[in-house]
Structures are given as C-alpha cells and as structure tokens.
Protein backbone atom coordinates (compact mmCIF):
# COMPACT_ATOMS: atom_id res chain seq x y z
CA MET A 1 -0.23 -0.21 -0.49
CA ALA A 2 1.45 3.44 -1.20
CA ASP A 3 2.63 5.83 1.72
CA ARG A 4 -0.28 8.37 2.65
CA GLN A 5 0.60 11.57 4.98
CA TYR A 6 -0.83 12.30 8.52
CA GLU A 7 -1.21 14.86 10.75
CA LEU A 8 -0.62 14.42 14.77
CA VAL A 9 -1.58 16.64 16.52
CA TYR A 10 -1.29 14.96 21.12
CA ILE A 11 -1.60 17.58 23.88
CA LEU A 12 0.39 17.63 27.03
CA PRO A 13 -0.22 18.18 30.53
CA PRO A 14 1.26 22.00 30.93
CA ASP A 15 3.48 21.39 33.53
CA THR A 16 5.63 18.71 30.85
CA THR A 17 9.45 19.37 30.85
CA GLU A 18 11.22 19.59 27.82
CA PRO A 19 12.52 15.69 28.97
CA GLN A 20 9.42 14.54 29.60
CA VAL A 21 8.63 16.04 26.26
CA ALA A 22 11.85 14.73 23.69
CA GLU A 23 10.97 10.57 25.18
CA LEU A 24 7.67 11.47 23.89
CA HIS A 25 9.05 11.85 20.53
CA ALA A 26 11.42 9.21 20.62
CA GLN A 27 9.05 6.42 21.91
CA VAL A 28 6.48 8.41 19.04
CA GLN A 29 9.69 8.09 16.58
CA GLU A 30 10.94 4.67 16.96
CA VAL A 31 6.80 2.90 16.78
CA VAL A 32 6.89 5.11 13.36
CA SER A 33 10.87 3.65 12.30
CA ARG A 34 9.14 -0.36 13.17
CA MET A 35 6.77 -0.01 11.01
CA HIS A 36 8.34 1.96 8.22
CA GLY A 37 6.66 4.96 8.39
CA GLN A 38 8.64 8.12 8.14
CA ILE A 39 8.43 11.86 10.27
CA ALA A 40 8.39 14.62 7.88
CA THR A 41 8.63 17.39 10.52
CA THR A 42 7.75 17.90 14.36
CA GLU A 43 7.38 21.43 15.00
CA ASN A 44 6.13 22.50 19.05
CA TRP A 45 3.86 24.87 19.45
CA GLY A 46 4.30 24.87 22.94
CA ARG A 47 2.18 26.02 25.53
CA LYS A 48 -1.74 27.34 24.73
CA ARG A 49 -5.12 27.86 26.72
CA LEU A 50 -7.48 24.32 26.15
CA ALA A 51 -10.85 25.63 24.21
CA TYR A 52 -12.38 23.38 26.73
CA GLU A 53 -11.50 22.01 30.32
CA ILE A 54 -9.88 18.50 30.06
CA ALA A 55 -9.19 16.36 32.36
CA ARG A 56 -8.84 19.71 34.89
CA HIS A 57 -6.59 21.37 33.62
CA LYS A 58 -6.80 24.60 31.09
CA GLU A 59 -3.57 24.52 29.66
CA GLY A 60 -1.60 22.05 27.90
CA TYR A 61 1.48 21.97 25.40
CA TYR A 62 0.62 21.04 21.94
CA VAL A 63 3.73 19.03 19.76
CA LEU A 64 2.07 18.90 15.65
CA GLN A 65 4.35 16.11 13.54
CA VAL A 66 4.09 14.86 9.58
CA ILE A 67 4.56 11.51 9.42
CA ASN A 68 4.57 9.45 6.31
CA GLY A 69 3.04 6.28 6.93
CA SER A 70 0.86 3.25 6.62
CA GLY A 71 -2.72 3.33 7.82
CA GLU A 72 -2.15 0.41 10.40
CA LEU A 73 0.91 2.77 11.05
CA MET A 74 -1.91 5.21 12.44
CA LYS A 75 -3.81 2.76 14.20
CA GLU A 76 -0.67 1.43 15.76
CA LEU A 77 0.29 4.92 17.02
CA ASP A 78 -3.73 6.14 17.90
CA ARG A 79 -4.19 2.73 20.72
CA ARG A 80 -0.29 3.44 22.00
CA LEU A 81 -0.64 7.37 22.62
CA LYS A 82 -4.73 6.69 24.12
CA VAL A 83 -2.96 4.65 27.31
CA MET A 84 -0.13 6.90 27.54
CA ASP A 85 -0.83 9.13 30.74
CA ILE A 86 1.09 11.66 29.13
CA VAL A 87 -1.70 12.69 26.65
CA ILE A 88 -3.67 14.15 27.05
CA ARG A 89 -5.42 14.53 23.77
CA GLN A 90 -4.27 13.40 20.39
CA MET A 91 -5.78 13.62 17.04
CA ILE A 92 -4.73 11.98 13.16
CA VAL A 93 -6.16 13.32 9.90
CA ARG A 94 -4.92 12.45 6.52
CA VAL A 95 -3.98 15.18 4.23
CA ASP A 96 -2.91 14.16 1.18
CA GLU A 97 -6.02 13.98 -0.50
CA GLU A 98 -6.24 17.48 0.28
CA LYS A 99 -3.15 18.77 -0.32
CA LYS A 100 -3.55 17.08 -4.25
CA VAL A 101 -6.95 18.84 -4.13
CA VAL A 102 -5.02 22.30 -3.65
CA ASP A 103 -2.72 21.11 -6.75
CA ARG A 104 -5.19 20.15 -8.50
CA THR A 105 -6.87 23.74 -8.72
CA GLN A 106 -3.91 25.55 -8.07
CA THR A 107 -2.91 23.80 -12.01
CA ARG A 108 -6.75 24.46 -13.81
CA ARG A 109 -6.36 28.20 -12.85
CA ARG A 110 -2.96 28.05 -13.72
CA THR A 111 -3.55 26.61 -16.92
CA ASN A 112 -6.44 28.67 -18.09
CA SER A 113 -4.40 32.36 -17.09
CA GLU A 114 -2.22 31.08 -19.51
CA ARG A 115 -4.87 30.08 -22.18
CA ARG A 116 -6.69 33.30 -21.44
CA ARG A 117 -3.35 35.68 -22.47
CA VAL A 118 -2.39 34.10 -25.33
CA LYS A 119 -5.56 34.29 -26.84
CA ARG A 120 -5.28 38.49 -26.61
CA GLY A 121 -2.14 37.61 -27.60
CA LEU A 122 0.36 38.20 -24.56
CA PRO A 123 2.88 35.93 -23.34
CA PRO A 124 1.52 32.93 -21.66
CA GLN A 125 3.26 34.21 -17.50
CA ARG A 126 2.98 37.49 -16.70
CA GLN A 127 5.47 39.47 -17.15
CA PRO A 128 7.68 41.55 -14.25
CA GLY A 129 5.47 45.30 -14.06
CA GLU A 130 2.67 43.64 -16.05
CA GLY A 131 -0.51 44.42 -14.39
CA ARG A 132 -1.01 45.57 -10.53
CA PRO A 133 0.89 44.53 -7.73
CA PRO A 134 0.64 42.09 -5.58
CA GLY A 135 -1.83 43.54 -2.95
CA ALA A 136 -3.10 46.37 -3.99
CA PRO A 137 -6.81 46.96 -3.75
CA ASP A 138 -9.19 46.13 -7.09
CA GLU A 139 -10.45 49.38 -8.40
CA SER A 140 -13.45 47.54 -8.83
CA ASP A 141 -14.29 46.84 -5.05
CA ASP A 142 -13.42 50.44 -3.88
CA ASP A 143 -17.51 51.78 -3.86
CA ARG A 144 -16.51 55.34 -2.61
CA PHE A 145 -17.52 57.12 -5.66
CA GLU A 146 -20.68 55.20 -6.81
CA VAL A 147 -23.62 57.12 -6.75
CA GLY A 148 -27.20 55.77 -4.87
CA GLU A 149 -30.58 56.60 -5.93
CA ALA A 150 -32.61 58.67 -3.31
C-alpha cells in the first residue's frame, strides 16, 4: 500500500518538561521507524490555552508531527497514544488528499490563465511590472464614488 501523509497533533499537560517531551518524541519515532514510516516534520507549538477544560487542565502543551506512512502505522500510533497517561488528547488526520485537490485546482487555474493570455496575444506568463502589484486593492471593489438612488 502506498504511503500517505498524516498530521498527528497531541496535547500534553502544561507542566510537562522538555525531557518528557523528548522521551515521547523518541517513542513515537521508534514506532514510526519500526513500521517503515517517516516523520517529515515536528513542531512544538508550546503551551496554549485549551478551548475547554480537559481532565482539570485549562492549558496544554501542543505538538504537531507530519508523518508519512500507512494506515496500520496510524492505527498503532493512535492505540499507543490513547494508553499513555502523559497524553491528554491526540488527533490524526490524513492530509494528502486535500493537498492533491489544492494542487489540481492551482494547476487548472494557471493553465486557464495562460490560455486566456495567449488568446489576447500576451505571453503565457505574467511579466515583471505587468498588471497590479501584489496586494493592491481592486478598483472594482472601491464603492466610494458610486451614486446611489435617492
């Protein structure tokens, strides 16, 4: 089965120390490598306020890991994280399908734009200095001088 990309987010108690976080990272890394997966990135988001109280905690230490692997790997990680006392909550989300949709949409828009430019006799790619600068307001959105009916 092909490797898929998943995002694993887990929340630890706010009083978690760096060695405890490092130990948990090592345990996750061991499971991922044993099941032929790969951790693409790890981001420690740090201590943040929870949306609602979980197990008498109002804050938590958030960690995000992007993992490439199989569904079996994610099932095993989910099972292991559920039984760990240090993990308050965890969530695994498959993200490769959304990225494919975004890439497909961007490619379609780019090809449509290039086709329209060629029809108008312009080069397919926008040239430097051509058109509005990025971030400039669109004049069609400016309604300051519109005259309303009285």
